[in-house]
Amino acid sequence: MKKLKIFIPILLLAVLILTGFSCGEESKRKKDEDEEKDELEDYTLYKNEEWDFEIYYPEDWEKEIVFDEIEGIQAYFTSPEQGPADDFQESVFLMVGEPDPYTDFDEYATDTVAMMEADEATEMIKFSKETISGYPAYKLVYAQSSDWGEYQSLEHFLNTGDTWALISYTAKKDQYSEFLDEVEIMVDSFEIK
């Protein structure tokens, strides 16, 4: 009987701890959802049923969609003009399509980097593996010089198995960071169903 008297309080304590932990996890999940909702408050959802993906983009950006039966879908999101002297509008290019069955995703990414490194007008800044929307991806940051100026780009290559995606942000090098927060929110919101 004594063992039962000791066991019951321990059991009750364990139940209380587990209940508190469960409530804490639910509270954290609710807080994360609320923060994500607040973060996307000034964003518009673009949803594509055919390729089964979605992405949020800033509501004051322009959107242009181009369908290509061979390449898949291409979407262009362009920042608003910053005034009369704004001769280059920052943009995000998104391409979603079926991969070439004879091309390996990892080889494609490393070959792209090798090709850029061989270009004298290109400065490689960062190349790393990451995960986007739960799928393997590569992140590539580089700068390029041309007759029109210096530009910096951020590219994400994403592989879901059945679909490959490219999300690419380009801006003048001295204005690259101006829209970087918005672009990172776009990339984080990208989801293939």
C-alpha atoms as a PDB file:
ATOM      1  CA  MET A   1       0.000   0.000   0.000  1.00  0.00           C
ATOM      2  CA  LYS A   2       2.897   2.362   0.797  1.00  0.00           C
ATOM      3  CA  LYS A   3       4.330   1.783  -2.673  1.00  0.00           C
ATOM      4  CA  LEU A   4       0.978   2.718  -4.205  1.00  0.00           C
ATOM      5  CA  LYS A   5       0.865   5.937  -2.127  1.00  0.00           C
ATOM      6  CA  ILE A   6       4.326   6.888  -3.407  1.00  0.00           C
ATOM      7  CA  PHE A   7       3.598   5.835  -6.992  1.00  0.00           C
ATOM      8  CA  ILE A   8       0.379   7.904  -7.348  1.00  0.00           C
ATOM      9  CA  PRO A   9       2.017  11.293  -6.573  1.00  0.00           C
ATOM     10  CA  ILE A  10       4.889  10.465  -8.918  1.00  0.00           C
ATOM     11  CA  LEU A  11       2.415   9.513 -11.638  1.00  0.00           C
ATOM     12  CA  LEU A  12       0.435  12.728 -11.071  1.00  0.00           C
ATOM     13  CA  LEU A  13       3.632  14.780 -11.194  1.00  0.00           C
ATOM     14  CA  ALA A  14       4.642  13.119 -14.480  1.00  0.00           C
ATOM     15  CA  VAL A  15       1.201  13.819 -15.963  1.00  0.00           C
ATOM     16  CA  LEU A  16       1.400  17.471 -14.894  1.00  0.00           C
ATOM     17  CA  ILE A  17       4.876  17.849 -16.383  1.00  0.00           C
ATOM     18  CA  LEU A  18       3.847  16.250 -19.677  1.00  0.00           C
ATOM     19  CA  THR A  19       0.689  18.361 -19.834  1.00  0.00           C
ATOM     20  CA  GLY A  20       2.707  21.507 -19.176  1.00  0.00           C
ATOM     21  CA  PHE A  21       5.224  20.508 -21.842  1.00  0.00           C
ATOM     22  CA  SER A  22       2.436  19.862 -24.347  1.00  0.00           C
ATOM     23  CA  CYS A  23       0.805  23.217 -23.557  1.00  0.00           C
ATOM     24  CA  GLY A  24       4.191  24.928 -23.884  1.00  0.00           C
ATOM     25  CA  GLU A  25       4.777  23.344 -27.305  1.00  0.00           C
ATOM     26  CA  GLU A  26       1.295  24.363 -28.463  1.00  0.00           C
ATOM     27  CA  SER A  27       1.865  27.902 -27.193  1.00  0.00           C
ATOM     28  CA  LYS A  28       5.223  28.088 -29.022  1.00  0.00           C
ATOM     29  CA  ARG A  29       3.646  26.765 -32.250  1.00  0.00           C
ATOM     30  CA  LYS A  30       0.835  29.360 -31.974  1.00  0.00           C
ATOM     31  CA  LYS A  31       3.383  32.140 -31.371  1.00  0.00           C
ATOM     32  CA  ASP A  32       5.419  31.037 -34.436  1.00  0.00           C
ATOM     33  CA  GLU A  33       2.256  31.011 -36.591  1.00  0.00           C
ATOM     34  CA  ASP A  34       1.307  34.501 -35.360  1.00  0.00           C
ATOM     35  CA  GLU A  35       4.817  35.830 -36.109  1.00  0.00           C
ATOM     36  CA  GLU A  36       4.706  34.311 -39.607  1.00  0.00           C
ATOM     37  CA  LYS A  37       1.273  35.844 -40.217  1.00  0.00           C
ATOM     38  CA  ASP A  38       2.555  39.277 -39.097  1.00  0.00           C
ATOM     39  CA  GLU A  39       5.657  38.891 -41.292  1.00  0.00           C
ATOM     40  CA  LEU A  40       3.489  38.166 -44.361  1.00  0.00           C
ATOM     41  CA  GLU A  41       0.938  40.917 -43.652  1.00  0.00           C
ATOM     42  CA  ASP A  42       2.192  43.156 -46.506  1.00  0.00           C
ATOM     43  CA  TYR A  43       2.708  40.252 -48.916  1.00  0.00           C
ATOM     44  CA  THR A  44       0.513  38.761 -51.629  1.00  0.00           C
ATOM     45  CA  LEU A  45       0.230  35.032 -52.215  1.00  0.00           C
ATOM     46  CA  TYR A  46       0.942  33.706 -55.700  1.00  0.00           C
ATOM     47  CA  LYS A  47      -0.308  30.149 -56.013  1.00  0.00           C
ATOM     48  CA  ASN A  48       0.214  27.957 -59.061  1.00  0.00           C
ATOM     49  CA  GLU A  49      -2.127  24.953 -59.263  1.00  0.00           C
ATOM     50  CA  GLU A  50      -0.484  23.339 -62.318  1.00  0.00           C
ATOM     51  CA  TRP A  51       2.977  23.093 -60.741  1.00  0.00           C
ATOM     52  CA  ASP A  52       1.546  22.930 -57.219  1.00  0.00           C
ATOM     53  CA  PHE A  53       3.636  25.610 -55.506  1.00  0.00           C
ATOM     54  CA  GLU A  54       3.122  28.929 -53.786  1.00  0.00           C
ATOM     55  CA  ILE A  55       5.200  31.949 -52.864  1.00  0.00           C
ATOM     56  CA  TYR A  56       4.479  35.234 -51.122  1.00  0.00           C
ATOM     57  CA  TYR A  57       5.821  38.452 -52.631  1.00  0.00           C
ATOM     58  CA  PRO A  58       5.681  42.097 -51.427  1.00  0.00           C
ATOM     59  CA  GLU A  59       2.291  43.570 -52.366  1.00  0.00           C
ATOM     60  CA  ASP A  60       3.871  46.657 -53.960  1.00  0.00           C
ATOM     61  CA  TRP A  61       6.003  44.559 -56.350  1.00  0.00           C
ATOM     62  CA  GLU A  62       4.894  43.789 -59.898  1.00  0.00           C
ATOM     63  CA  LYS A  63       4.347  40.179 -60.975  1.00  0.00           C
ATOM     64  CA  GLU A  64       4.676  38.699 -64.467  1.00  0.00           C
ATOM     65  CA  ILE A  65       4.080  35.017 -65.218  1.00  0.00           C
ATOM     66  CA  VAL A  66       5.395  33.256 -68.322  1.00  0.00           C
ATOM     67  CA  PHE A  67       4.468  29.654 -69.137  1.00  0.00           C
ATOM     68  CA  ASP A  68       6.834  27.569 -71.200  1.00  0.00           C
ATOM     69  CA  GLU A  69       5.890  23.977 -72.035  1.00  0.00           C
ATOM     70  CA  ILE A  70       9.528  22.900 -72.149  1.00  0.00           C
ATOM     71  CA  GLU A  71      11.014  24.985 -69.325  1.00  0.00           C
ATOM     72  CA  GLY A  72       7.995  24.995 -66.998  1.00  0.00           C
ATOM     73  CA  ILE A  73       6.835  28.226 -65.417  1.00  0.00           C
ATOM     74  CA  GLN A  74       8.758  31.445 -64.976  1.00  0.00           C
ATOM     75  CA  ALA A  75       7.656  34.212 -62.648  1.00  0.00           C
ATOM     76  CA  TYR A  76       9.189  37.675 -62.386  1.00  0.00           C
ATOM     77  CA  PHE A  77       8.670  39.836 -59.309  1.00  0.00           C
ATOM     78  CA  THR A  78       9.964  43.394 -59.699  1.00  0.00           C
ATOM     79  CA  SER A  79      10.501  45.976 -56.963  1.00  0.00           C
ATOM     80  CA  PRO A  80       8.752  49.346 -57.235  1.00  0.00           C
ATOM     81  CA  GLU A  81      10.625  52.179 -58.922  1.00  0.00           C
ATOM     82  CA  GLN A  82      12.532  54.225 -56.333  1.00  0.00           C
ATOM     83  CA  GLY A  83      12.296  57.505 -58.251  1.00  0.00           C
ATOM     84  CA  PRO A  84      13.253  59.027 -61.600  1.00  0.00           C
ATOM     85  CA  ALA A  85      16.942  58.160 -61.160  1.00  0.00           C
ATOM     86  CA  ASP A  86      16.171  54.468 -60.540  1.00  0.00           C
ATOM     87  CA  ASP A  87      17.555  52.942 -63.747  1.00  0.00           C
ATOM     88  CA  PHE A  88      17.495  49.312 -62.525  1.00  0.00           C
ATOM     89  CA  GLN A  89      14.681  47.760 -60.557  1.00  0.00           C
ATOM     90  CA  GLU A  90      15.615  44.884 -58.291  1.00  0.00           C
ATOM     91  CA  SER A  91      13.875  41.645 -59.182  1.00  0.00           C
ATOM     92  CA  VAL A  92      13.270  38.067 -58.165  1.00  0.00           C
ATOM     93  CA  PHE A  93      13.100  35.452 -60.896  1.00  0.00           C
ATOM     94  CA  LEU A  94      11.439  32.112 -60.106  1.00  0.00           C
ATOM     95  CA  MET A  95      11.539  29.119 -62.408  1.00  0.00           C
ATOM     96  CA  VAL A  96       9.844  25.812 -61.624  1.00  0.00           C
ATOM     97  CA  GLY A  97       9.989  22.837 -63.977  1.00  0.00           C
ATOM     98  CA  GLU A  98      10.766  19.191 -64.493  1.00  0.00           C
ATOM     99  CA  PRO A  99      14.436  18.258 -64.304  1.00  0.00           C
ATOM    100  CA  ASP A 100      16.340  16.824 -67.221  1.00  0.00           C
ATOM    101  CA  PRO A 101      16.410  13.072 -66.456  1.00  0.00           C
ATOM    102  CA  TYR A 102      20.060  12.927 -67.570  1.00  0.00           C
ATOM    103  CA  THR A 103      21.220  15.738 -65.288  1.00  0.00           C
ATOM    104  CA  ASP A 104      22.199  15.194 -61.663  1.00  0.00           C
ATOM    105  CA  PHE A 105      21.077  18.027 -59.355  1.00  0.00           C
ATOM    106  CA  ASP A 106      24.325  18.226 -57.386  1.00  0.00           C
ATOM    107  CA  GLU A 107      26.409  18.145 -60.562  1.00  0.00           C
ATOM    108  CA  TYR A 108      24.234  20.873 -62.102  1.00  0.00           C
ATOM    109  CA  ALA A 109      24.820  23.135 -59.086  1.00  0.00           C
ATOM    110  CA  THR A 110      28.578  22.533 -58.922  1.00  0.00           C
ATOM    111  CA  ASP A 111      28.948  22.887 -62.720  1.00  0.00           C
ATOM    112  CA  THR A 112      27.116  26.228 -62.531  1.00  0.00           C
ATOM    113  CA  VAL A 113      29.522  27.421 -59.837  1.00  0.00           C
ATOM    114  CA  ALA A 114      32.563  26.200 -61.793  1.00  0.00           C
ATOM    115  CA  MET A 115      31.352  28.047 -64.890  1.00  0.00           C
ATOM    116  CA  MET A 116      30.908  31.258 -62.890  1.00  0.00           C
ATOM    117  CA  GLU A 117      34.302  30.928 -61.233  1.00  0.00           C
ATOM    118  CA  ALA A 118      35.881  30.679 -64.688  1.00  0.00           C
ATOM    119  CA  ASP A 119      34.260  33.975 -65.715  1.00  0.00           C
ATOM    120  CA  GLU A 120      36.648  36.872 -65.001  1.00  0.00           C
ATOM    121  CA  ALA A 121      33.718  39.283 -64.576  1.00  0.00           C
ATOM    122  CA  THR A 122      32.236  37.185 -61.763  1.00  0.00           C
ATOM    123  CA  GLU A 123      33.201  37.320 -58.092  1.00  0.00           C
ATOM    124  CA  MET A 124      32.018  34.298 -56.093  1.00  0.00           C
ATOM    125  CA  ILE A 125      30.877  35.351 -52.623  1.00  0.00           C
ATOM    126  CA  LYS A 126      29.201  32.263 -51.166  1.00  0.00           C
ATOM    127  CA  PHE A 127      28.184  28.751 -52.175  1.00  0.00           C
ATOM    128  CA  SER A 128      26.560  26.442 -49.632  1.00  0.00           C
ATOM    129  CA  LYS A 129      24.080  23.636 -49.141  1.00  0.00           C
ATOM    130  CA  GLU A 130      20.829  24.368 -47.315  1.00  0.00           C
ATOM    131  CA  THR A 131      17.227  23.238 -47.011  1.00  0.00           C
ATOM    132  CA  ILE A 132      14.208  25.103 -48.395  1.00  0.00           C
ATOM    133  CA  SER A 133      10.657  23.931 -47.782  1.00  0.00           C
ATOM    134  CA  GLY A 134      12.111  20.674 -46.456  1.00  0.00           C
ATOM    135  CA  TYR A 135      14.034  19.895 -49.663  1.00  0.00           C
ATOM    136  CA  PRO A 136      17.761  19.933 -50.482  1.00  0.00           C
ATOM    137  CA  ALA A 137      18.933  23.196 -51.982  1.00  0.00           C
ATOM    138  CA  TYR A 138      22.021  25.226 -52.804  1.00  0.00           C
ATOM    139  CA  LYS A 139      22.580  28.899 -52.077  1.00  0.00           C
ATOM    140  CA  LEU A 140      24.827  30.895 -54.358  1.00  0.00           C
ATOM    141  CA  VAL A 141      25.819  34.559 -53.938  1.00  0.00           C
ATOM    142  CA  TYR A 142      27.966  36.295 -56.541  1.00  0.00           C
ATOM    143  CA  ALA A 143      28.733  39.695 -58.041  1.00  0.00           C
ATOM    144  CA  GLN A 144      29.241  40.537 -61.697  1.00  0.00           C
ATOM    145  CA  SER A 145      30.661  43.516 -63.535  1.00  0.00           C
ATOM    146  CA  SER A 146      29.454  44.621 -66.934  1.00  0.00           C
ATOM    147  CA  ASP A 147      29.427  47.725 -69.125  1.00  0.00           C
ATOM    148  CA  TRP A 148      26.168  48.723 -67.385  1.00  0.00           C
ATOM    149  CA  GLY A 149      27.521  48.499 -63.829  1.00  0.00           C
ATOM    150  CA  GLU A 150      28.118  46.097 -60.971  1.00  0.00           C
ATOM    151  CA  TYR A 151      25.371  43.702 -59.894  1.00  0.00           C
ATOM    152  CA  GLN A 152      24.979  41.181 -57.122  1.00  0.00           C
ATOM    153  CA  SER A 153      22.806  38.075 -57.223  1.00  0.00           C
ATOM    154  CA  LEU A 154      21.470  35.556 -54.739  1.00  0.00           C
ATOM    155  CA  GLU A 155      20.324  32.233 -56.183  1.00  0.00           C
ATOM    156  CA  HIS A 156      18.671  29.226 -54.598  1.00  0.00           C
ATOM    157  CA  PHE A 157      18.519  25.896 -56.476  1.00  0.00           C
ATOM    158  CA  LEU A 158      15.887  23.548 -55.025  1.00  0.00           C
ATOM    159  CA  ASN A 159      15.305  19.851 -55.755  1.00  0.00           C
ATOM    160  CA  THR A 160      12.059  18.083 -54.768  1.00  0.00           C
ATOM    161  CA  GLY A 161      12.823  15.029 -56.885  1.00  0.00           C
ATOM    162  CA  ASP A 162       9.992  15.539 -59.396  1.00  0.00           C
ATOM    163  CA  THR A 163      10.549  19.281 -59.690  1.00  0.00           C
ATOM    164  CA  TRP A 164      13.492  21.661 -59.690  1.00  0.00           C
ATOM    165  CA  ALA A 165      13.180  25.316 -58.804  1.00  0.00           C
ATOM    166  CA  LEU A 166      15.423  28.342 -59.099  1.00  0.00           C
ATOM    167  CA  ILE A 167      14.807  31.501 -57.081  1.00  0.00           C
ATOM    168  CA  SER A 168      17.149  34.289 -58.156  1.00  0.00           C
ATOM    169  CA  TYR A 169      17.424  37.848 -56.797  1.00  0.00           C
ATOM    170  CA  THR A 170      19.431  40.482 -58.695  1.00  0.00           C
ATOM    171  CA  ALA A 171      20.193  44.082 -57.720  1.00  0.00           C
ATOM    172  CA  LYS A 172      22.804  46.743 -58.313  1.00  0.00           C
ATOM    173  CA  LYS A 173      25.690  45.863 -56.019  1.00  0.00           C
ATOM    174  CA  ASP A 174      25.392  49.043 -53.928  1.00  0.00           C
ATOM    175  CA  GLN A 175      21.628  48.473 -53.477  1.00  0.00           C
ATOM    176  CA  TYR A 176      21.716  44.703 -52.938  1.00  0.00           C
ATOM    177  CA  SER A 177      20.892  44.822 -49.227  1.00  0.00           C
ATOM    178  CA  GLU A 178      17.965  47.255 -49.691  1.00  0.00           C
ATOM    179  CA  PHE A 179      15.446  44.503 -50.522  1.00  0.00           C
ATOM    180  CA  LEU A 180      17.319  41.506 -49.098  1.00  0.00           C
ATOM    181  CA  ASP A 181      14.986  41.104 -46.094  1.00  0.00           C
ATOM    182  CA  GLU A 182      11.938  40.985 -48.390  1.00  0.00           C
ATOM    183  CA  VAL A 183      13.657  38.487 -50.675  1.00  0.00           C
ATOM    184  CA  GLU A 184      14.541  36.214 -47.757  1.00  0.00           C
ATOM    185  CA  ILE A 185      10.882  36.262 -46.674  1.00  0.00           C
ATOM    186  CA  MET A 186       9.912  35.300 -50.241  1.00  0.00           C
ATOM    187  CA  VAL A 187      12.385  32.401 -50.274  1.00  0.00           C
ATOM    188  CA  ASP A 188      11.243  31.210 -46.834  1.00  0.00           C
ATOM    189  CA  SER A 189       7.591  31.341 -47.976  1.00  0.00           C
ATOM    190  CA  PHE A 190       8.215  29.276 -51.132  1.00  0.00           C
ATOM    191  CA  GLU A 191       6.520  25.926 -50.825  1.00  0.00           C
ATOM    192  CA  ILE A 192       6.007  23.033 -53.208  1.00  0.00           C
ATOM    193  CA  LYS A 193       2.998  20.957 -52.179  1.00  0.00           C
END
